[in-house]
PDB file of all heavy atoms in Angstrom:
ATOM      1  N   ASP A   1      -9.338 -13.596  16.885  1.00  0.00           N
ATOM      2  CA  ASP A   1     -10.189 -14.018  15.779  1.00  0.00           C
ATOM      3  C   ASP A   1     -10.440 -12.897  14.780  1.00  0.00           C
ATOM      4  O   ASP A   1     -11.318 -13.003  13.930  1.00  0.00           O
ATOM      5  CB  ASP A   1     -11.534 -14.538  16.306  1.00  0.00           C
ATOM      6  CG  ASP A   1     -12.322 -13.463  17.056  1.00  0.00           C
ATOM      7  OD1 ASP A   1     -11.851 -12.305  17.128  1.00  0.00           O
ATOM      8  OD2 ASP A   1     -13.411 -13.774  17.573  1.00  0.00           O
ATOM      9  N   ALA A   2      -9.658 -11.813  14.857  1.00  0.00           N
ATOM     10  CA  ALA A   2      -9.892 -10.654  14.008  1.00  0.00           C
ATOM     11  C   ALA A   2      -8.672 -10.313  13.169  1.00  0.00           C
ATOM     12  O   ALA A   2      -7.529 -10.375  13.644  1.00  0.00           O
ATOM     13  CB  ALA A   2     -10.286  -9.441  14.847  1.00  0.00           C
ATOM     14  N   LEU A   3      -8.924  -9.958  11.929  1.00  0.00           N
ATOM     15  CA  LEU A   3      -7.894  -9.369  11.085  1.00  0.00           C
ATOM     16  C   LEU A   3      -7.883  -7.882  11.416  1.00  0.00           C
ATOM     17  O   LEU A   3      -8.785  -7.140  11.046  1.00  0.00           O
ATOM     18  CB  LEU A   3      -8.239  -9.601   9.618  1.00  0.00           C
ATOM     19  CG  LEU A   3      -7.139  -9.408   8.584  1.00  0.00           C
ATOM     20  CD1 LEU A   3      -6.017 -10.405   8.805  1.00  0.00           C
ATOM     21  CD2 LEU A   3      -7.696  -9.536   7.179  1.00  0.00           C
ATOM     22  N   SER A   4      -6.870  -7.457  12.167  1.00  0.00           N
ATOM     23  CA  SER A   4      -6.871  -6.089  12.713  1.00  0.00           C
ATOM     24  C   SER A   4      -6.215  -5.082  11.782  1.00  0.00           C
ATOM     25  O   SER A   4      -6.524  -3.892  11.845  1.00  0.00           O
ATOM     26  CB  SER A   4      -6.165  -6.068  14.079  1.00  0.00           C
ATOM     27  OG  SER A   4      -4.826  -6.527  13.958  1.00  0.00           O
ATOM     28  N   GLN A   5      -5.297  -5.523  10.933  1.00  0.00           N
ATOM     29  CA  GLN A   5      -4.626  -4.625   9.998  1.00  0.00           C
ATOM     30  C   GLN A   5      -4.356  -5.366   8.697  1.00  0.00           C
ATOM     31  O   GLN A   5      -4.132  -6.570   8.691  1.00  0.00           O
ATOM     32  CB  GLN A   5      -3.301  -4.116  10.577  1.00  0.00           C
ATOM     33  CG  GLN A   5      -3.424  -3.292  11.841  1.00  0.00           C
ATOM     34  CD  GLN A   5      -2.061  -2.920  12.406  1.00  0.00           C
ATOM     35  OE1 GLN A   5      -1.087  -2.794  11.679  1.00  0.00           O
ATOM     36  NE2 GLN A   5      -1.988  -2.762  13.717  1.00  0.00           N
ATOM     37  N   ALA A   6      -4.382  -4.615   7.614  1.00  0.00           N
ATOM     38  CA  ALA A   6      -4.008  -5.153   6.308  1.00  0.00           C
ATOM     39  C   ALA A   6      -3.367  -4.023   5.518  1.00  0.00           C
ATOM     40  O   ALA A   6      -3.924  -2.924   5.424  1.00  0.00           O
ATOM     41  CB  ALA A   6      -5.231  -5.685   5.566  1.00  0.00           C
ATOM     42  N   ASP A   7      -2.193  -4.286   5.007  1.00  0.00           N
ATOM     43  CA  ASP A   7      -1.477  -3.294   4.191  1.00  0.00           C
ATOM     44  C   ASP A   7      -0.960  -4.024   2.957  1.00  0.00           C
ATOM     45  O   ASP A   7      -0.057  -4.861   3.059  1.00  0.00           O
ATOM     46  CB  ASP A   7      -0.338  -2.674   4.986  1.00  0.00           C
ATOM     47  CG  ASP A   7       0.238  -1.450   4.288  1.00  0.00           C
ATOM     48  OD1 ASP A   7       0.946  -1.632   3.286  1.00  0.00           O
ATOM     49  OD2 ASP A   7      -0.028  -0.327   4.737  1.00  0.00           O
ATOM     50  N   VAL A   8      -1.535  -3.718   1.803  1.00  0.00           N
ATOM     51  CA  VAL A   8      -1.288  -4.521   0.609  1.00  0.00           C
ATOM     52  C   VAL A   8      -0.967  -3.628  -0.582  1.00  0.00           C
ATOM     53  O   VAL A   8      -1.659  -2.628  -0.828  1.00  0.00           O
ATOM     54  CB  VAL A   8      -2.516  -5.402   0.269  1.00  0.00           C
ATOM     55  CG1 VAL A   8      -2.255  -6.236  -0.981  1.00  0.00           C
ATOM     56  CG2 VAL A   8      -2.867  -6.304   1.444  1.00  0.00           C
ATOM     57  N   ASN A   9       0.089  -3.977  -1.309  1.00  0.00           N
ATOM     58  CA  ASN A   9       0.400  -3.384  -2.604  1.00  0.00           C
ATOM     59  C   ASN A   9       0.152  -4.445  -3.663  1.00  0.00           C
ATOM     60  O   ASN A   9       0.721  -5.538  -3.602  1.00  0.00           O
ATOM     61  CB  ASN A   9       1.859  -2.924  -2.663  1.00  0.00           C
ATOM     62  CG  ASN A   9       2.122  -1.761  -1.736  1.00  0.00           C
ATOM     63  OD1 ASN A   9       1.668  -0.645  -1.957  1.00  0.00           O
ATOM     64  ND2 ASN A   9       2.859  -2.022  -0.664  1.00  0.00           N
ATOM     65  N   LEU A  10      -0.693  -4.113  -4.633  1.00  0.00           N
ATOM     66  CA  LEU A  10      -1.151  -5.100  -5.601  1.00  0.00           C
ATOM     67  C   LEU A  10      -0.959  -4.586  -7.021  1.00  0.00           C
ATOM     68  O   LEU A  10      -1.353  -3.459  -7.349  1.00  0.00           O
ATOM     69  CB  LEU A  10      -2.640  -5.404  -5.353  1.00  0.00           C
ATOM     70  CG  LEU A  10      -3.317  -6.414  -6.274  1.00  0.00           C
ATOM     71  CD1 LEU A  10      -2.714  -7.794  -6.086  1.00  0.00           C
ATOM     72  CD2 LEU A  10      -4.814  -6.447  -5.982  1.00  0.00           C
ATOM     73  N   LYS A  11      -0.331  -5.410  -7.845  1.00  0.00           N
ATOM     74  CA  LYS A  11      -0.204  -5.103  -9.275  1.00  0.00           C
ATOM     75  C   LYS A  11      -1.237  -5.945 -10.021  1.00  0.00           C
ATOM     76  O   LYS A  11      -1.153  -7.173 -10.037  1.00  0.00           O
ATOM     77  CB  LYS A  11       1.199  -5.433  -9.788  1.00  0.00           C
ATOM     78  CG  LYS A  11       1.402  -5.093 -11.269  1.00  0.00           C
ATOM     79  CD  LYS A  11       2.714  -5.679 -11.801  1.00  0.00           C
ATOM     80  CE  LYS A  11       3.902  -5.018 -11.143  1.00  0.00           C
ATOM     81  NZ  LYS A  11       5.179  -5.522 -11.759  1.00  0.00           N
ATOM     82  N   MET A  12      -2.217  -5.274 -10.621  1.00  0.00           N
ATOM     83  CA  MET A  12      -3.275  -5.995 -11.305  1.00  0.00           C
ATOM     84  C   MET A  12      -2.737  -6.636 -12.578  1.00  0.00           C
ATOM     85  O   MET A  12      -2.123  -5.966 -13.412  1.00  0.00           O
ATOM     86  CB  MET A  12      -4.439  -5.058 -11.636  1.00  0.00           C
ATOM     87  CG  MET A  12      -5.113  -4.465 -10.402  1.00  0.00           C
ATOM     88  SD  MET A  12      -5.601  -5.737  -9.194  1.00  0.00           S
ATOM     89  CE  MET A  12      -6.722  -6.748 -10.156  1.00  0.00           C
ATOM     90  N   PRO A  13      -2.927  -7.939 -12.755  1.00  0.00           N
ATOM     91  CA  PRO A  13      -2.352  -8.641 -13.905  1.00  0.00           C
ATOM     92  C   PRO A  13      -2.867  -8.135 -15.249  1.00  0.00           C
ATOM     93  O   PRO A  13      -2.163  -8.189 -16.241  1.00  0.00           O
ATOM     94  CB  PRO A  13      -2.775 -10.102 -13.667  1.00  0.00           C
ATOM     95  CG  PRO A  13      -3.090 -10.187 -12.213  1.00  0.00           C
ATOM     96  CD  PRO A  13      -3.616  -8.846 -11.835  1.00  0.00           C
ATOM     97  N   ARG A  14      -4.086  -7.613 -15.262  1.00  0.00           N
ATOM     98  CA  ARG A  14      -4.696  -7.272 -16.552  1.00  0.00           C
ATOM     99  C   ARG A  14      -4.058  -6.041 -17.188  1.00  0.00           C
ATOM    100  O   ARG A  14      -3.847  -5.987 -18.396  1.00  0.00           O
ATOM    101  CB  ARG A  14      -6.201  -7.070 -16.360  1.00  0.00           C
ATOM    102  CG  ARG A  14      -6.967  -6.956 -17.667  1.00  0.00           C
ATOM    103  CD  ARG A  14      -8.456  -6.982 -17.415  1.00  0.00           C
ATOM    104  NE  ARG A  14      -9.200  -6.999 -18.669  1.00  0.00           N
ATOM    105  CZ  ARG A  14     -10.517  -7.065 -18.734  1.00  0.00           C
ATOM    106  NH1 ARG A  14     -11.222  -7.138 -17.612  1.00  0.00           N
ATOM    107  NH2 ARG A  14     -11.138  -7.070 -19.896  1.00  0.00           N
ATOM    108  N   ASN A  15      -3.751  -5.028 -16.368  1.00  0.00           N
ATOM    109  CA  ASN A  15      -3.232  -3.780 -16.928  1.00  0.00           C
ATOM    110  C   ASN A  15      -1.986  -3.272 -16.204  1.00  0.00           C
ATOM    111  O   ASN A  15      -1.539  -2.152 -16.443  1.00  0.00           O
ATOM    112  CB  ASN A  15      -4.317  -2.700 -16.896  1.00  0.00           C
ATOM    113  CG  ASN A  15      -4.898  -2.501 -15.503  1.00  0.00           C
ATOM    114  OD1 ASN A  15      -4.326  -2.979 -14.511  1.00  0.00           O
ATOM    115  ND2 ASN A  15      -6.033  -1.821 -15.418  1.00  0.00           N
ATOM    116  N   ASN A  16      -1.436  -4.084 -15.300  1.00  0.00           N
ATOM    117  CA  ASN A  16      -0.252  -3.714 -14.514  1.00  0.00           C
ATOM    118  C   ASN A  16      -0.468  -2.473 -13.656  1.00  0.00           C
ATOM    119  O   ASN A  16       0.493  -1.830 -13.239  1.00  0.00           O
ATOM    120  CB  ASN A  16       0.965  -3.504 -15.419  1.00  0.00           C
ATOM    121  CG  ASN A  16       1.529  -4.823 -15.913  1.00  0.00           C
ATOM    122  OD1 ASN A  16       1.447  -5.842 -15.238  1.00  0.00           O
ATOM    123  ND2 ASN A  16       2.099  -4.800 -17.107  1.00  0.00           N
ATOM    124  N   GLN A  17      -1.733  -2.129 -13.369  1.00  0.00           N
ATOM    125  CA  GLN A  17      -2.024  -0.998 -12.490  1.00  0.00           C
ATOM    126  C   GLN A  17      -1.571  -1.324 -11.067  1.00  0.00           C
ATOM    127  O   GLN A  17      -1.786  -2.430 -10.568  1.00  0.00           O
ATOM    128  CB  GLN A  17      -3.522  -0.696 -12.496  1.00  0.00           C
ATOM    129  CG  GLN A  17      -3.924   0.465 -11.588  1.00  0.00           C
ATOM    130  CD  GLN A  17      -5.435   0.641 -11.518  1.00  0.00           C
ATOM    131  OE1 GLN A  17      -6.183  -0.174 -12.061  1.00  0.00           O
ATOM    132  NE2 GLN A  17      -5.875   1.694 -10.860  1.00  0.00           N
ATOM    133  N   LEU A  18      -0.900  -0.365 -10.428  1.00  0.00           N
ATOM    134  CA  LEU A  18      -0.432  -0.557  -9.058  1.00  0.00           C
ATOM    135  C   LEU A  18      -1.460   0.004  -8.085  1.00  0.00           C
ATOM    136  O   LEU A  18      -1.877   1.156  -8.189  1.00  0.00           O
ATOM    137  CB  LEU A  18       0.917   0.134  -8.851  1.00  0.00           C
ATOM    138  CG  LEU A  18       2.092  -0.444  -9.646  1.00  0.00           C
ATOM    139  CD1 LEU A  18       3.338   0.409  -9.424  1.00  0.00           C
ATOM    140  CD2 LEU A  18       2.370  -1.888  -9.230  1.00  0.00           C
ATOM    141  N   LEU A  19      -1.862  -0.823  -7.125  1.00  0.00           N
ATOM    142  CA  LEU A  19      -2.836  -0.405  -6.120  1.00  0.00           C
ATOM    143  C   LEU A  19      -2.241  -0.586  -4.733  1.00  0.00           C
ATOM    144  O   LEU A  19      -1.533  -1.558  -4.471  1.00  0.00           O
ATOM    145  CB  LEU A  19      -4.119  -1.239  -6.221  1.00  0.00           C
ATOM    146  CG  LEU A  19      -4.915  -1.181  -7.519  1.00  0.00           C
ATOM    147  CD1 LEU A  19      -6.094  -2.148  -7.433  1.00  0.00           C
ATOM    148  CD2 LEU A  19      -5.416   0.229  -7.791  1.00  0.00           C
ATOM    149  N   HIS A  20      -2.537   0.347  -3.849  1.00  0.00           N
ATOM    150  CA  HIS A  20      -2.175   0.209  -2.442  1.00  0.00           C
ATOM    151  C   HIS A  20      -3.442   0.384  -1.626  1.00  0.00           C
ATOM    152  O   HIS A  20      -4.184   1.363  -1.795  1.00  0.00           O
ATOM    153  CB  HIS A  20      -1.140   1.247  -2.001  1.00  0.00           C
ATOM    154  CG  HIS A  20      -0.896   1.234  -0.514  1.00  0.00           C
ATOM    155  ND1 HIS A  20      -1.513   2.116   0.352  1.00  0.00           N
ATOM    156  CD2 HIS A  20      -0.143   0.402   0.255  1.00  0.00           C
ATOM    157  CE1 HIS A  20      -1.127   1.848   1.586  1.00  0.00           C
ATOM    158  NE2 HIS A  20      -0.300   0.824   1.557  1.00  0.00           N
ATOM    159  N   PHE A  21      -3.719  -0.564  -0.763  1.00  0.00           N
ATOM    160  CA  PHE A  21      -4.891  -0.415   0.098  1.00  0.00           C
ATOM    161  C   PHE A  21      -4.589  -0.994   1.469  1.00  0.00           C
ATOM    162  O   PHE A  21      -3.794  -1.919   1.617  1.00  0.00           O
ATOM    163  CB  PHE A  21      -6.142  -1.063  -0.516  1.00  0.00           C
ATOM    164  CG  PHE A  21      -5.979  -2.475  -0.977  1.00  0.00           C
ATOM    165  CD1 PHE A  21      -6.266  -3.540  -0.139  1.00  0.00           C
ATOM    166  CD2 PHE A  21      -5.569  -2.745  -2.270  1.00  0.00           C
ATOM    167  CE1 PHE A  21      -6.137  -4.841  -0.570  1.00  0.00           C
ATOM    168  CE2 PHE A  21      -5.435  -4.058  -2.717  1.00  0.00           C
ATOM    169  CZ  PHE A  21      -5.719  -5.103  -1.865  1.00  0.00           C
ATOM    170  N   ALA A  22      -5.214  -0.405   2.481  1.00  0.00           N
ATOM    171  CA  ALA A  22      -5.016  -0.802   3.874  1.00  0.00           C
ATOM    172  C   ALA A  22      -6.338  -0.691   4.609  1.00  0.00           C
ATOM    173  O   ALA A  22      -7.261   0.017   4.175  1.00  0.00           O
ATOM    174  CB  ALA A  22      -3.958   0.084   4.543  1.00  0.00           C
ATOM    175  N   PHE A  23      -6.443  -1.395   5.732  1.00  0.00           N
ATOM    176  CA  PHE A  23      -7.640  -1.277   6.558  1.00  0.00           C
ATOM    177  C   PHE A  23      -7.765   0.134   7.114  1.00  0.00           C
ATOM    178  O   PHE A  23      -6.760   0.762   7.475  1.00  0.00           O
ATOM    179  CB  PHE A  23      -7.576  -2.251   7.734  1.00  0.00           C
ATOM    180  CG  PHE A  23      -8.160  -3.604   7.439  1.00  0.00           C
ATOM    181  CD1 PHE A  23      -8.593  -3.950   6.175  1.00  0.00           C
ATOM    182  CD2 PHE A  23      -8.294  -4.545   8.445  1.00  0.00           C
ATOM    183  CE1 PHE A  23      -9.126  -5.191   5.906  1.00  0.00           C
ATOM    184  CE2 PHE A  23      -8.822  -5.795   8.204  1.00  0.00           C
ATOM    185  CZ  PHE A  23      -9.237  -6.120   6.927  1.00  0.00           C
ATOM    186  N   ARG A  24      -8.993   0.600   7.188  1.00  0.00           N
ATOM    187  CA  ARG A  24      -9.241   1.832   7.932  1.00  0.00           C
ATOM    188  C   ARG A  24      -8.890   1.608   9.395  1.00  0.00           C
ATOM    189  O   ARG A  24      -9.040   0.508   9.924  1.00  0.00           O
ATOM    190  CB  ARG A  24     -10.717   2.219   7.799  1.00  0.00           C
ATOM    191  CG  ARG A  24     -11.108   2.673   6.398  1.00  0.00           C
ATOM    192  CD  ARG A  24     -12.609   2.698   6.202  1.00  0.00           C
ATOM    193  NE  ARG A  24     -13.311   3.331   7.314  1.00  0.00           N
ATOM    194  CZ  ARG A  24     -14.640   3.405   7.402  1.00  0.00           C
ATOM    195  NH1 ARG A  24     -15.399   2.850   6.468  1.00  0.00           N
ATOM    196  NH2 ARG A  24     -15.214   3.998   8.426  1.00  0.00           N
ATOM    197  N   GLU A  25      -8.408   2.646  10.060  1.00  0.00           N
ATOM    198  CA  GLU A  25      -7.924   2.502  11.436  1.00  0.00           C
ATOM    199  C   GLU A  25      -9.026   2.069  12.400  1.00  0.00           C
ATOM    200  O   GLU A  25      -8.746   1.470  13.438  1.00  0.00           O
ATOM    201  CB  GLU A  25      -7.305   3.822  11.909  1.00  0.00           C
ATOM    202  CG  GLU A  25      -6.009   4.184  11.184  1.00  0.00           C
ATOM    203  CD  GLU A  25      -5.384   5.442  11.736  1.00  0.00           C
ATOM    204  OE1 GLU A  25      -5.985   6.031  12.669  1.00  0.00           O
ATOM    205  OE2 GLU A  25      -4.314   5.836  11.256  1.00  0.00           O
ATOM    206  N   ASP A  26     -10.273   2.377  12.061  1.00  0.00           N
ATOM    207  CA  ASP A  26     -11.376   2.054  12.972  1.00  0.00           C
ATOM    208  C   ASP A  26     -12.035   0.713  12.645  1.00  0.00           C
ATOM    209  O   ASP A  26     -13.089   0.392  13.188  1.00  0.00           O
ATOM    210  CB  ASP A  26     -12.438   3.157  12.920  1.00  0.00           C
ATOM    211  CG  ASP A  26     -13.043   3.323  11.516  1.00  0.00           C
ATOM    212  OD1 ASP A  26     -12.337   3.000  10.529  1.00  0.00           O
ATOM    213  OD2 ASP A  26     -14.192   3.772  11.412  1.00  0.00           O
ATOM    214  N   LYS A  27     -11.405  -0.092  11.789  1.00  0.00           N
ATOM    215  CA  LYS A  27     -12.046  -1.317  11.334  1.00  0.00           C
ATOM    216  C   LYS A  27     -11.231  -2.561  11.682  1.00  0.00           C
ATOM    217  O   LYS A  27     -10.005  -2.541  11.700  1.00  0.00           O
ATOM    218  CB  LYS A  27     -12.247  -1.281   9.807  1.00  0.00           C
ATOM    219  CG  LYS A  27     -13.231  -0.213   9.323  1.00  0.00           C
ATOM    220  CD  LYS A  27     -14.646  -0.538   9.760  1.00  0.00           C
ATOM    221  CE  LYS A  27     -15.649   0.452   9.193  1.00  0.00           C
ATOM    222  NZ  LYS A  27     -17.034   0.150   9.627  1.00  0.00           N
TER     223      LYS A  27
END
């Protein structure tokens, strides 16, 4: 019942800024 990991690369539509974010290892 838990989302244990998330690794996402996101291009923001407004300014095409590239973002990478992931879950902290302890979360």
